[in-house]
Amino acid sequence: RHPDLTPDPSVLVVRVESGLFFANADHVRATVRGLCTPSTRAVVLD
């Protein structure tokens, strides 16, 4: 929604806009792993 902002490549900050439960947990795990790049050193889950 704010393409003018540049995220820190070393820190991936993500927000899951839903409760976390059995039906979406694996999707969240796979998506977060897919967003990581070789320069990522930390992931913050808001």
ModelCIF file with pLDDT and N, C-alpha, C, O atoms, coordinates in Angstrom:
data_MODEL
#
_entry.id   MODEL 
#
_entity.id                         1 
_entity.type                       polymer 
_entity.pdbx_number_of_molecules   1 
#
_entity_poly.entity_id                      1 
_entity_poly.type                           'polypeptide(L)' 
_entity_poly.nstd_linkage                   no 
_entity_poly.nstd_monomer                   no 
_entity_poly.pdbx_seq_one_letter_code       RHPDLTPDPSVLVVRVESGLFFANADHVRATVRGLCTPSTRAVVLD 
_entity_poly.pdbx_seq_one_letter_code_can   RHPDLTPDPSVLVVRVESGLFFANADHVRATVRGLCTPSTRAVVLD 
_entity_poly.pdbx_strand_id                 A 
#
loop_
_entity_poly_seq.entity_id 
_entity_poly_seq.num 
_entity_poly_seq.mon_id 
_entity_poly_seq.hetero 
1 1  ARG n 
1 2  HIS n 
1 3  PRO n 
1 4  ASP n 
1 5  LEU n 
1 6  THR n 
1 7  PRO n 
1 8  ASP n 
1 9  PRO n 
1 10 SER n 
1 11 VAL n 
1 12 LEU n 
1 13 VAL n 
1 14 VAL n 
1 15 ARG n 
1 16 VAL n 
1 17 GLU n 
1 18 SER n 
1 19 GLY n 
1 20 LEU n 
1 21 PHE n 
1 22 PHE n 
1 23 ALA n 
1 24 ASN n 
1 25 ALA n 
1 26 ASP n 
1 27 HIS n 
1 28 VAL n 
1 29 ARG n 
1 30 ALA n 
1 31 THR n 
1 32 VAL n 
1 33 ARG n 
1 34 GLY n 
1 35 LEU n 
1 36 CYS n 
1 37 THR n 
1 38 PRO n 
1 39 SER n 
1 40 THR n 
1 41 ARG n 
1 42 ALA n 
1 43 VAL n 
1 44 VAL n 
1 45 LEU n 
1 46 ASP n 
#
_struct_asym.id          A 
_struct_asym.entity_id   1 
#
loop_
_ma_qa_metric.id 
_ma_qa_metric.mode 
_ma_qa_metric.name 
_ma_qa_metric.software_group_id 
_ma_qa_metric.type 
1 global pLDDT . pLDDT 
2 local  pLDDT . pLDDT 
#
_ma_qa_metric_global.metric_id      1 
_ma_qa_metric_global.metric_value   90.89 
_ma_qa_metric_global.model_id       1 
_ma_qa_metric_global.ordinal_id     1 
#
loop_
_ma_qa_metric_local.label_asym_id 
_ma_qa_metric_local.label_comp_id 
_ma_qa_metric_local.label_seq_id 
_ma_qa_metric_local.metric_id 
_ma_qa_metric_local.metric_value 
_ma_qa_metric_local.model_id 
_ma_qa_metric_local.ordinal_id 
A ARG 1  2 86.00 1 1  
A HIS 2  2 88.00 1 2  
A PRO 3  2 88.00 1 3  
A ASP 4  2 88.00 1 4  
A LEU 5  2 88.00 1 5  
A THR 6  2 86.00 1 6  
A PRO 7  2 89.00 1 7  
A ASP 8  2 87.00 1 8  
A PRO 9  2 90.00 1 9  
A SER 10 2 91.00 1 10 
A VAL 11 2 93.00 1 11 
A LEU 12 2 94.00 1 12 
A VAL 13 2 94.00 1 13 
A VAL 14 2 94.00 1 14 
A ARG 15 2 93.00 1 15 
A VAL 16 2 90.00 1 16 
A GLU 17 2 87.00 1 17 
A SER 18 2 87.00 1 18 
A GLY 19 2 87.00 1 19 
A LEU 20 2 89.00 1 20 
A PHE 21 2 89.00 1 21 
A PHE 22 2 89.00 1 22 
A ALA 23 2 90.00 1 23 
A ASN 24 2 90.00 1 24 
A ALA 25 2 91.00 1 25 
A ASP 26 2 93.00 1 26 
A HIS 27 2 92.00 1 27 
A VAL 28 2 92.00 1 28 
A ARG 29 2 93.00 1 29 
A ALA 30 2 94.00 1 30 
A THR 31 2 92.00 1 31 
A VAL 32 2 93.00 1 32 
A ARG 33 2 93.00 1 33 
A GLY 34 2 92.00 1 34 
A LEU 35 2 92.00 1 35 
A CYS 36 2 93.00 1 36 
A THR 37 2 91.00 1 37 
A PRO 38 2 92.00 1 38 
A SER 39 2 92.00 1 39 
A THR 40 2 92.00 1 40 
A ARG 41 2 92.00 1 41 
A ALA 42 2 93.00 1 42 
A VAL 43 2 93.00 1 43 
A VAL 44 2 94.00 1 44 
A LEU 45 2 93.00 1 45 
A ASP 46 2 92.00 1 46 
#
loop_
_atom_site.group_PDB 
_atom_site.id 
_atom_site.type_symbol 
_atom_site.label_atom_id 
_atom_site.label_alt_id 
_atom_site.label_comp_id 
_atom_site.label_asym_id 
_atom_site.label_entity_id 
_atom_site.label_seq_id 
_atom_site.pdbx_PDB_ins_code 
_atom_site.Cartn_x 
_atom_site.Cartn_y 
_atom_site.Cartn_z 
_atom_site.occupancy 
_atom_site.B_iso_or_equiv 
_atom_site.pdbx_formal_charge 
_atom_site.auth_seq_id 
_atom_site.auth_comp_id 
_atom_site.auth_asym_id 
_atom_site.auth_atom_id 
_atom_site.pdbx_PDB_model_num 
ATOM 1   N N  . ARG A 1 1  ? 0.812  -1.213  0.000  1.00 86.00 ? 1  ARG A N  1 
ATOM 2   C CA . ARG A 1 1  ? 0.000  0.000   0.000  1.00 86.00 ? 1  ARG A CA 1 
ATOM 3   C C  . ARG A 1 1  ? 0.849  1.268   0.000  1.00 86.00 ? 1  ARG A C  1 
ATOM 4   O O  . ARG A 1 1  ? 0.372  2.351   -0.337 1.00 86.00 ? 1  ARG A O  1 
ATOM 5   N N  . HIS A 1 2  ? 2.099  1.115   0.378  1.00 88.00 ? 2  HIS A N  1 
ATOM 6   C CA . HIS A 1 2  ? 3.021  2.274   0.434  1.00 88.00 ? 2  HIS A CA 1 
ATOM 7   C C  . HIS A 1 2  ? 4.309  1.909   -0.307 1.00 88.00 ? 2  HIS A C  1 
ATOM 8   O O  . HIS A 1 2  ? 5.340  1.671   0.322  1.00 88.00 ? 2  HIS A O  1 
ATOM 9   N N  . PRO A 1 3  ? 4.253  1.865   -1.636 1.00 88.00 ? 3  PRO A N  1 
ATOM 10  C CA . PRO A 1 3  ? 5.425  1.445   -2.416 1.00 88.00 ? 3  PRO A CA 1 
ATOM 11  C C  . PRO A 1 3  ? 6.609  2.395   -2.312 1.00 88.00 ? 3  PRO A C  1 
ATOM 12  O O  . PRO A 1 3  ? 7.722  2.051   -2.709 1.00 88.00 ? 3  PRO A O  1 
ATOM 13  N N  . ASP A 1 4  ? 6.369  3.596   -1.776 1.00 88.00 ? 4  ASP A N  1 
ATOM 14  C CA . ASP A 1 4  ? 7.467  4.553   -1.627 1.00 88.00 ? 4  ASP A CA 1 
ATOM 15  C C  . ASP A 1 4  ? 8.387  4.187   -0.474 1.00 88.00 ? 4  ASP A C  1 
ATOM 16  O O  . ASP A 1 4  ? 9.496  4.712   -0.383 1.00 88.00 ? 4  ASP A O  1 
ATOM 17  N N  . LEU A 1 5  ? 7.949  3.298   0.406  1.00 88.00 ? 5  LEU A N  1 
ATOM 18  C CA . LEU A 1 5  ? 8.771  2.887   1.543  1.00 88.00 ? 5  LEU A CA 1 
ATOM 19  C C  . LEU A 1 5  ? 9.686  1.735   1.147  1.00 88.00 ? 5  LEU A C  1 
ATOM 20  O O  . LEU A 1 5  ? 9.286  0.826   0.420  1.00 88.00 ? 5  LEU A O  1 
ATOM 21  N N  . THR A 1 6  ? 10.915 1.790   1.637  1.00 86.00 ? 6  THR A N  1 
ATOM 22  C CA . THR A 1 6  ? 11.904 0.749   1.323  1.00 86.00 ? 6  THR A CA 1 
ATOM 23  C C  . THR A 1 6  ? 12.198 -0.062  2.568  1.00 86.00 ? 6  THR A C  1 
ATOM 24  O O  . THR A 1 6  ? 12.731 0.477   3.538  1.00 86.00 ? 6  THR A O  1 
ATOM 25  N N  . PRO A 1 7  ? 11.866 -1.344  2.565  1.00 89.00 ? 7  PRO A N  1 
ATOM 26  C CA . PRO A 1 7  ? 12.134 -2.159  3.757  1.00 89.00 ? 7  PRO A CA 1 
ATOM 27  C C  . PRO A 1 7  ? 13.621 -2.458  3.921  1.00 89.00 ? 7  PRO A C  1 
ATOM 28  O O  . PRO A 1 7  ? 14.369 -2.484  2.944  1.00 89.00 ? 7  PRO A O  1 
ATOM 29  N N  . ASP A 1 8  ? 14.034 -2.680  5.145  1.00 87.00 ? 8  ASP A N  1 
ATOM 30  C CA . ASP A 1 8  ? 15.413 -3.072  5.450  1.00 87.00 ? 8  ASP A CA 1 
ATOM 31  C C  . ASP A 1 8  ? 15.635 -4.482  4.909  1.00 87.00 ? 8  ASP A C  1 
ATOM 32  O O  . ASP A 1 8  ? 14.916 -5.397  5.309  1.00 87.00 ? 8  ASP A O  1 
ATOM 33  N N  . PRO A 1 9  ? 16.598 -4.692  4.022  1.00 90.00 ? 9  PRO A N  1 
ATOM 34  C CA . PRO A 1 9  ? 16.780 -6.029  3.455  1.00 90.00 ? 9  PRO A CA 1 
ATOM 35  C C  . PRO A 1 9  ? 17.250 -7.064  4.467  1.00 90.00 ? 9  PRO A C  1 
ATOM 36  O O  . PRO A 1 9  ? 17.096 -8.264  4.239  1.00 90.00 ? 9  PRO A O  1 
ATOM 37  N N  . SER A 1 10 ? 17.825 -6.614  5.593  1.00 91.00 ? 10 SER A N  1 
ATOM 38  C CA . SER A 1 10 ? 18.339 -7.578  6.569  1.00 91.00 ? 10 SER A CA 1 
ATOM 39  C C  . SER A 1 10 ? 17.291 -7.989  7.596  1.00 91.00 ? 10 SER A C  1 
ATOM 40  O O  . SER A 1 10 ? 17.426 -9.021  8.252  1.00 91.00 ? 10 SER A O  1 
ATOM 41  N N  . VAL A 1 11 ? 16.248 -7.177  7.731  1.00 93.00 ? 11 VAL A N  1 
ATOM 42  C CA . VAL A 1 11 ? 15.191 -7.485  8.705  1.00 93.00 ? 11 VAL A CA 1 
ATOM 43  C C  . VAL A 1 11 ? 13.851 -7.548  7.967  1.00 93.00 ? 11 VAL A C  1 
ATOM 44  O O  . VAL A 1 11 ? 13.359 -6.537  7.463  1.00 93.00 ? 11 VAL A O  1 
ATOM 45  N N  . LEU A 1 12 ? 13.285 -8.716  7.913  1.00 94.00 ? 12 LEU A N  1 
ATOM 46  C CA . LEU A 1 12 ? 11.987 -8.905  7.295  1.00 94.00 ? 12 LEU A CA 1 
ATOM 47  C C  . LEU A 1 12 ? 10.915 -8.761  8.372  1.00 94.00 ? 12 LEU A C  1 
ATOM 48  O O  . LEU A 1 12 ? 10.852 -9.561  9.305  1.00 94.00 ? 12 LEU A O  1 
ATOM 49  N N  . VAL A 1 13 ? 10.073 -7.738  8.236  1.00 94.00 ? 13 VAL A N  1 
ATOM 50  C CA . VAL A 1 13 ? 8.984  -7.513  9.173  1.00 94.00 ? 13 VAL A CA 1 
ATOM 51  C C  . VAL A 1 13 ? 7.681  -7.837  8.458  1.00 94.00 ? 13 VAL A C  1 
ATOM 52  O O  . VAL A 1 13 ? 7.369  -7.240  7.428  1.00 94.00 ? 13 VAL A O  1 
ATOM 53  N N  . VAL A 1 14 ? 6.916  -8.785  9.005  1.00 94.00 ? 14 VAL A N  1 
ATOM 54  C CA . VAL A 1 14 ? 5.672  -9.204  8.363  1.00 94.00 ? 14 VAL A CA 1 
ATOM 55  C C  . VAL A 1 14 ? 4.528  -9.151  9.374  1.00 94.00 ? 14 VAL A C  1 
ATOM 56  O O  . VAL A 1 14 ? 4.732  -9.258  10.583 1.00 94.00 ? 14 VAL A O  1 
ATOM 57  N N  . ARG A 1 15 ? 3.342  -8.985  8.847  1.00 93.00 ? 15 ARG A N  1 
ATOM 58  C CA . ARG A 1 15 ? 2.140  -8.974  9.679  1.00 93.00 ? 15 ARG A CA 1 
ATOM 59  C C  . ARG A 1 15 ? 1.106  -9.910  9.070  1.00 93.00 ? 15 ARG A C  1 
ATOM 60  O O  . ARG A 1 15 ? 0.732  -9.769  7.906  1.00 93.00 ? 15 ARG A O  1 
ATOM 61  N N  . VAL A 1 16 ? 0.655  -10.861 9.867  1.00 90.00 ? 16 VAL A N  1 
ATOM 62  C CA . VAL A 1 16 ? -0.388 -11.784 9.428  1.00 90.00 ? 16 VAL A CA 1 
ATOM 63  C C  . VAL A 1 16 ? -1.739 -11.185 9.833  1.00 90.00 ? 16 VAL A C  1 
ATOM 64  O O  . VAL A 1 16 ? -2.037 -11.062 11.021 1.00 90.00 ? 16 VAL A O  1 
ATOM 65  N N  . GLU A 1 17 ? -2.533 -10.823 8.864  1.00 87.00 ? 17 GLU A N  1 
ATOM 66  C CA . GLU A 1 17 ? -3.800 -10.138 9.145  1.00 87.00 ? 17 GLU A CA 1 
ATOM 67  C C  . GLU A 1 17 ? -4.912 -11.152 9.369  1.00 87.00 ? 17 GLU A C  1 
ATOM 68  O O  . GLU A 1 17 ? -5.900 -11.197 8.635  1.00 87.00 ? 17 GLU A O  1 
ATOM 69  N N  . SER A 1 18 ? -4.725 -11.958 10.399 1.00 87.00 ? 18 SER A N  1 
ATOM 70  C CA . SER A 1 18 ? -5.689 -12.994 10.740 1.00 87.00 ? 18 SER A CA 1 
ATOM 71  C C  . SER A 1 18 ? -5.225 -13.662 12.022 1.00 87.00 ? 18 SER A C  1 
ATOM 72  O O  . SER A 1 18 ? -4.065 -13.535 12.414 1.00 87.00 ? 18 SER A O  1 
ATOM 73  N N  . GLY A 1 19 ? -6.133 -14.373 12.673 1.00 87.00 ? 19 GLY A N  1 
ATOM 74  C CA . GLY A 1 19 ? -5.719 -15.256 13.736 1.00 87.00 ? 19 GLY A CA 1 
ATOM 75  C C  . GLY A 1 19 ? -4.872 -16.381 13.169 1.00 87.00 ? 19 GLY A C  1 
ATOM 76  O O  . GLY A 1 19 ? -4.944 -16.673 11.975 1.00 87.00 ? 19 GLY A O  1 
ATOM 77  N N  . LEU A 1 20 ? -4.076 -17.011 14.009 1.00 89.00 ? 20 LEU A N  1 
ATOM 78  C CA . LEU A 1 20 ? -3.212 -18.107 13.584 1.00 89.00 ? 20 LEU A CA 1 
ATOM 79  C C  . LEU A 1 20 ? -3.770 -19.410 14.128 1.00 89.00 ? 20 LEU A C  1 
ATOM 80  O O  . LEU A 1 20 ? -3.880 -19.594 15.340 1.00 89.00 ? 20 LEU A O  1 
ATOM 81  N N  . PHE A 1 21 ? -4.117 -20.306 13.225 1.00 89.00 ? 21 PHE A N  1 
ATOM 82  C CA . PHE A 1 21 ? -4.675 -21.577 13.666 1.00 89.00 ? 21 PHE A CA 1 
ATOM 83  C C  . PHE A 1 21 ? -4.330 -22.650 12.642 1.00 89.00 ? 21 PHE A C  1 
ATOM 84  O O  . PHE A 1 21 ? -3.656 -22.380 11.649 1.00 89.00 ? 21 PHE A O  1 
ATOM 85  N N  . PHE A 1 22 ? -4.794 -23.857 12.890 1.00 89.00 ? 22 PHE A N  1 
ATOM 86  C CA . PHE A 1 22 ? -4.355 -25.016 12.130 1.00 89.00 ? 22 PHE A CA 1 
ATOM 87  C C  . PHE A 1 22 ? -4.559 -24.875 10.631 1.00 89.00 ? 22 PHE A C  1 
ATOM 88  O O  . PHE A 1 22 ? -3.770 -25.408 9.851  1.00 89.00 ? 22 PHE A O  1 
ATOM 89  N N  . ALA A 1 23 ? -5.610 -24.162 10.208 1.00 90.00 ? 23 ALA A N  1 
ATOM 90  C CA . ALA A 1 23 ? -5.930 -24.096 8.784  1.00 90.00 ? 23 ALA A CA 1 
ATOM 91  C C  . ALA A 1 23 ? -4.990 -23.198 8.002  1.00 90.00 ? 23 ALA A C  1 
ATOM 92  O O  . ALA A 1 23 ? -4.805 -23.402 6.802  1.00 90.00 ? 23 ALA A O  1 
ATOM 93  N N  . ASN A 1 24 ? -4.386 -22.200 8.657  1.00 90.00 ? 24 ASN A N  1 
ATOM 94  C CA . ASN A 1 24 ? -3.526 -21.283 7.912  1.00 90.00 ? 24 ASN A CA 1 
ATOM 95  C C  . ASN A 1 24 ? -2.075 -21.300 8.358  1.00 90.00 ? 24 ASN A C  1 
ATOM 96  O O  . ASN A 1 24 ? -1.249 -20.587 7.788  1.00 90.00 ? 24 ASN A O  1 
ATOM 97  N N  . ALA A 1 25 ? -1.749 -22.099 9.365  1.00 91.00 ? 25 ALA A N  1 
ATOM 98  C CA . ALA A 1 25 ? -0.396 -22.075 9.930  1.00 91.00 ? 25 ALA A CA 1 
ATOM 99  C C  . ALA A 1 25 ? 0.657  -22.460 8.889  1.00 91.00 ? 25 ALA A C  1 
ATOM 100 O O  . ALA A 1 25 ? 1.675  -21.778 8.770  1.00 91.00 ? 25 ALA A O  1 
ATOM 101 N N  . ASP A 1 26 ? 0.433  -23.527 8.143  1.00 93.00 ? 26 ASP A N  1 
ATOM 102 C CA . ASP A 1 26 ? 1.415  -23.953 7.146  1.00 93.00 ? 26 ASP A CA 1 
ATOM 103 C C  . ASP A 1 26 ? 1.562  -22.922 6.032  1.00 93.00 ? 26 ASP A C  1 
ATOM 104 O O  . ASP A 1 26 ? 2.659  -22.714 5.513  1.00 93.00 ? 26 ASP A O  1 
ATOM 105 N N  . HIS A 1 27 ? 0.453  -22.274 5.664  1.00 92.00 ? 27 HIS A N  1 
ATOM 106 C CA . HIS A 1 27 ? 0.533  -21.222 4.643  1.00 92.00 ? 27 HIS A CA 1 
ATOM 107 C C  . HIS A 1 27 ? 1.390  -20.060 5.148  1.00 92.00 ? 27 HIS A C  1 
ATOM 108 O O  . HIS A 1 27 ? 2.208  -19.523 4.402  1.00 92.00 ? 27 HIS A O  1 
ATOM 109 N N  . VAL A 1 28 ? 1.208  -19.675 6.395  1.00 92.00 ? 28 VAL A N  1 
ATOM 110 C CA . VAL A 1 28 ? 2.011  -18.585 6.970  1.00 92.00 ? 28 VAL A CA 1 
ATOM 111 C C  . VAL A 1 28 ? 3.481  -18.977 6.978  1.00 92.00 ? 28 VAL A C  1 
ATOM 112 O O  . VAL A 1 28 ? 4.343  -18.188 6.592  1.00 92.00 ? 28 VAL A O  1 
ATOM 113 N N  . ARG A 1 29 ? 3.763  -20.197 7.420  1.00 93.00 ? 29 ARG A N  1 
ATOM 114 C CA . ARG A 1 29 ? 5.156  -20.669 7.464  1.00 93.00 ? 29 ARG A CA 1 
ATOM 115 C C  . ARG A 1 29 ? 5.796  -20.633 6.078  1.00 93.00 ? 29 ARG A C  1 
ATOM 116 O O  . ARG A 1 29 ? 6.910  -20.134 5.922  1.00 93.00 ? 29 ARG A O  1 
ATOM 117 N N  . ALA A 1 30 ? 5.095  -21.161 5.068  1.00 94.00 ? 30 ALA A N  1 
ATOM 118 C CA . ALA A 1 30 ? 5.655  -21.207 3.719  1.00 94.00 ? 30 ALA A CA 1 
ATOM 119 C C  . ALA A 1 30 ? 5.833  -19.806 3.146  1.00 94.00 ? 30 ALA A C  1 
ATOM 120 O O  . ALA A 1 30 ? 6.831  -19.535 2.478  1.00 94.00 ? 30 ALA A O  1 
ATOM 121 N N  . THR A 1 31 ? 4.873  -18.909 3.400  1.00 92.00 ? 31 THR A N  1 
ATOM 122 C CA . THR A 1 31 ? 4.957  -17.560 2.860  1.00 92.00 ? 31 THR A CA 1 
ATOM 123 C C  . THR A 1 31 ? 6.122  -16.791 3.478  1.00 92.00 ? 31 THR A C  1 
ATOM 124 O O  . THR A 1 31 ? 6.861  -16.114 2.764  1.00 92.00 ? 31 THR A O  1 
ATOM 125 N N  . VAL A 1 32 ? 6.291  -16.887 4.788  1.00 93.00 ? 32 VAL A N  1 
ATOM 126 C CA . VAL A 1 32 ? 7.391  -16.183 5.458  1.00 93.00 ? 32 VAL A CA 1 
ATOM 127 C C  . VAL A 1 32 ? 8.732  -16.703 4.952  1.00 93.00 ? 32 VAL A C  1 
ATOM 128 O O  . VAL A 1 32 ? 9.642  -15.918 4.688  1.00 93.00 ? 32 VAL A O  1 
ATOM 129 N N  . ARG A 1 33 ? 8.857  -18.007 4.817  1.00 93.00 ? 33 ARG A N  1 
ATOM 130 C CA . ARG A 1 33 ? 10.111 -18.566 4.298  1.00 93.00 ? 33 ARG A CA 1 
ATOM 131 C C  . ARG A 1 33 ? 10.371 -18.081 2.879  1.00 93.00 ? 33 ARG A C  1 
ATOM 132 O O  . ARG A 1 33 ? 11.511 -17.803 2.508  1.00 93.00 ? 33 ARG A O  1 
ATOM 133 N N  . GLY A 1 34 ? 9.291  -17.979 2.077  1.00 92.00 ? 34 GLY A N  1 
ATOM 134 C CA . GLY A 1 34 ? 9.460  -17.522 0.714  1.00 92.00 ? 34 GLY A CA 1 
ATOM 135 C C  . GLY A 1 34 ? 9.848  -16.060 0.603  1.00 92.00 ? 34 GLY A C  1 
ATOM 136 O O  . GLY A 1 34 ? 10.475 -15.662 -0.379 1.00 92.00 ? 34 GLY A O  1 
ATOM 137 N N  . LEU A 1 35 ? 9.487  -15.251 1.593  1.00 92.00 ? 35 LEU A N  1 
ATOM 138 C CA . LEU A 1 35 ? 9.834  -13.824 1.570  1.00 92.00 ? 35 LEU A CA 1 
ATOM 139 C C  . LEU A 1 35 ? 11.273 -13.563 1.982  1.00 92.00 ? 35 LEU A C  1 
ATOM 140 O O  . LEU A 1 35 ? 11.805 -12.482 1.727  1.00 92.00 ? 35 LEU A O  1 
ATOM 141 N N  . CYS A 1 36 ? 11.900 -14.528 2.609  1.00 93.00 ? 36 CYS A N  1 
ATOM 142 C CA . CYS A 1 36 ? 13.285 -14.356 3.032  1.00 93.00 ? 36 CYS A CA 1 
ATOM 143 C C  . CYS A 1 36 ? 14.218 -14.370 1.824  1.00 93.00 ? 36 CYS A C  1 
ATOM 144 O O  . CYS A 1 36 ? 14.006 -15.127 0.877  1.00 93.00 ? 36 CYS A O  1 
ATOM 145 N N  . THR A 1 37 ? 15.244 -13.535 1.865  1.00 91.00 ? 37 THR A N  1 
ATOM 146 C CA . THR A 1 37 ? 16.261 -13.460 0.820  1.00 91.00 ? 37 THR A CA 1 
ATOM 147 C C  . THR A 1 37 ? 17.619 -13.812 1.430  1.00 91.00 ? 37 THR A C  1 
ATOM 148 O O  . THR A 1 37 ? 17.728 -13.919 2.652  1.00 91.00 ? 37 THR A O  1 
ATOM 149 N N  . PRO A 1 38 ? 18.653 -13.994 0.610  1.00 92.00 ? 38 PRO A N  1 
ATOM 150 C CA . PRO A 1 38 ? 19.980 -14.302 1.168  1.00 92.00 ? 38 PRO A CA 1 
ATOM 151 C C  . PRO A 1 38 ? 20.502 -13.241 2.132  1.00 92.00 ? 38 PRO A C  1 
ATOM 152 O O  . PRO A 1 38 ? 21.356 -13.533 2.970  1.00 92.00 ? 38 PRO A O  1 
ATOM 153 N N  . SER A 1 39 ? 19.992 -12.006 2.021  1.00 92.00 ? 39 SER A N  1 
ATOM 154 C CA . SER A 1 39 ? 20.467 -10.945 2.912  1.00 92.00 ? 39 SER A CA 1 
ATOM 155 C C  . SER A 1 39 ? 19.659 -10.853 4.198  1.00 92.00 ? 39 SER A C  1 
ATOM 156 O O  . SER A 1 39 ? 19.992 -10.061 5.080  1.00 92.00 ? 39 SER A O  1 
ATOM 157 N N  . THR A 1 40 ? 18.606 -11.647 4.318  1.00 92.00 ? 40 THR A N  1 
ATOM 158 C CA . THR A 1 40 ? 17.772 -11.593 5.518  1.00 92.00 ? 40 THR A CA 1 
ATOM 159 C C  . THR A 1 40 ? 18.500 -12.229 6.694  1.00 92.00 ? 40 THR A C  1 
ATOM 160 O O  . THR A 1 40 ? 18.988 -13.356 6.603  1.00 92.00 ? 40 THR A O  1 
ATOM 161 N N  . ARG A 1 41 ? 18.565 -11.490 7.801  1.00 92.00 ? 41 ARG A N  1 
ATOM 162 C CA . ARG A 1 41 ? 19.209 -12.000 9.010  1.00 92.00 ? 41 ARG A CA 1 
ATOM 163 C C  . ARG A 1 41 ? 18.235 -12.132 10.173 1.00 92.00 ? 41 ARG A C  1 
ATOM 164 O O  . ARG A 1 41 ? 18.563 -12.749 11.186 1.00 92.00 ? 41 ARG A O  1 
ATOM 165 N N  . ALA A 1 42 ? 17.050 -11.563 10.041 1.00 93.00 ? 42 ALA A N  1 
ATOM 166 C CA . ALA A 1 42 ? 16.060 -11.676 11.105 1.00 93.00 ? 42 ALA A CA 1 
ATOM 167 C C  . ALA A 1 42 ? 14.667 -11.498 10.518 1.00 93.00 ? 42 ALA A C  1 
ATOM 168 O O  . ALA A 1 42 ? 14.474 -10.793 9.527  1.00 93.00 ? 42 ALA A O  1 
ATOM 169 N N  . VAL A 1 43 ? 13.698 -12.159 11.157 1.00 93.00 ? 43 VAL A N  1 
ATOM 170 C CA . VAL A 1 43 ? 12.300 -12.026 10.784 1.00 93.00 ? 43 VAL A CA 1 
ATOM 171 C C  . VAL A 1 43 ? 11.528 -11.614 12.026 1.00 93.00 ? 43 VAL A C  1 
ATOM 172 O O  . VAL A 1 43 ? 11.618 -12.259 13.071 1.00 93.00 ? 43 VAL A O  1 
ATOM 173 N N  . VAL A 1 44 ? 10.770 -10.537 11.901 1.00 94.00 ? 44 VAL A N  1 
ATOM 174 C CA . VAL A 1 44 ? 9.907  -10.080 12.988 1.00 94.00 ? 44 VAL A CA 1 
ATOM 175 C C  . VAL A 1 44 ? 8.461  -10.299 12.556 1.00 94.00 ? 44 VAL A C  1 
ATOM 176 O O  . VAL A 1 44 ? 8.009  -9.758  11.547 1.00 94.00 ? 44 VAL A O  1 
ATOM 177 N N  . LEU A 1 45 ? 7.755  -11.094 13.330 1.00 93.00 ? 45 LEU A N  1 
ATOM 178 C CA . LEU A 1 45 ? 6.343  -11.349 13.061 1.00 93.00 ? 45 LEU A CA 1 
ATOM 179 C C  . LEU A 1 45 ? 5.504  -10.446 13.950 1.00 93.00 ? 45 LEU A C  1 
ATOM 180 O O  . LEU A 1 45 ? 5.425  -10.648 15.162 1.00 93.00 ? 45 LEU A O  1 
ATOM 181 N N  . ASP A 1 46 ? 4.873  -9.437  13.332 1.00 92.00 ? 46 ASP A N  1 
ATOM 182 C CA . ASP A 1 46 ? 4.006  -8.521  14.075 1.00 92.00 ? 46 ASP A CA 1 
ATOM 183 C C  . ASP A 1 46 ? 2.679  -9.227  14.346 1.00 92.00 ? 46 ASP A C  1 
ATOM 184 O O  . ASP A 1 46 ? 1.785  -8.647  14.963 1.00 92.00 ? 46 ASP A O  1 
#
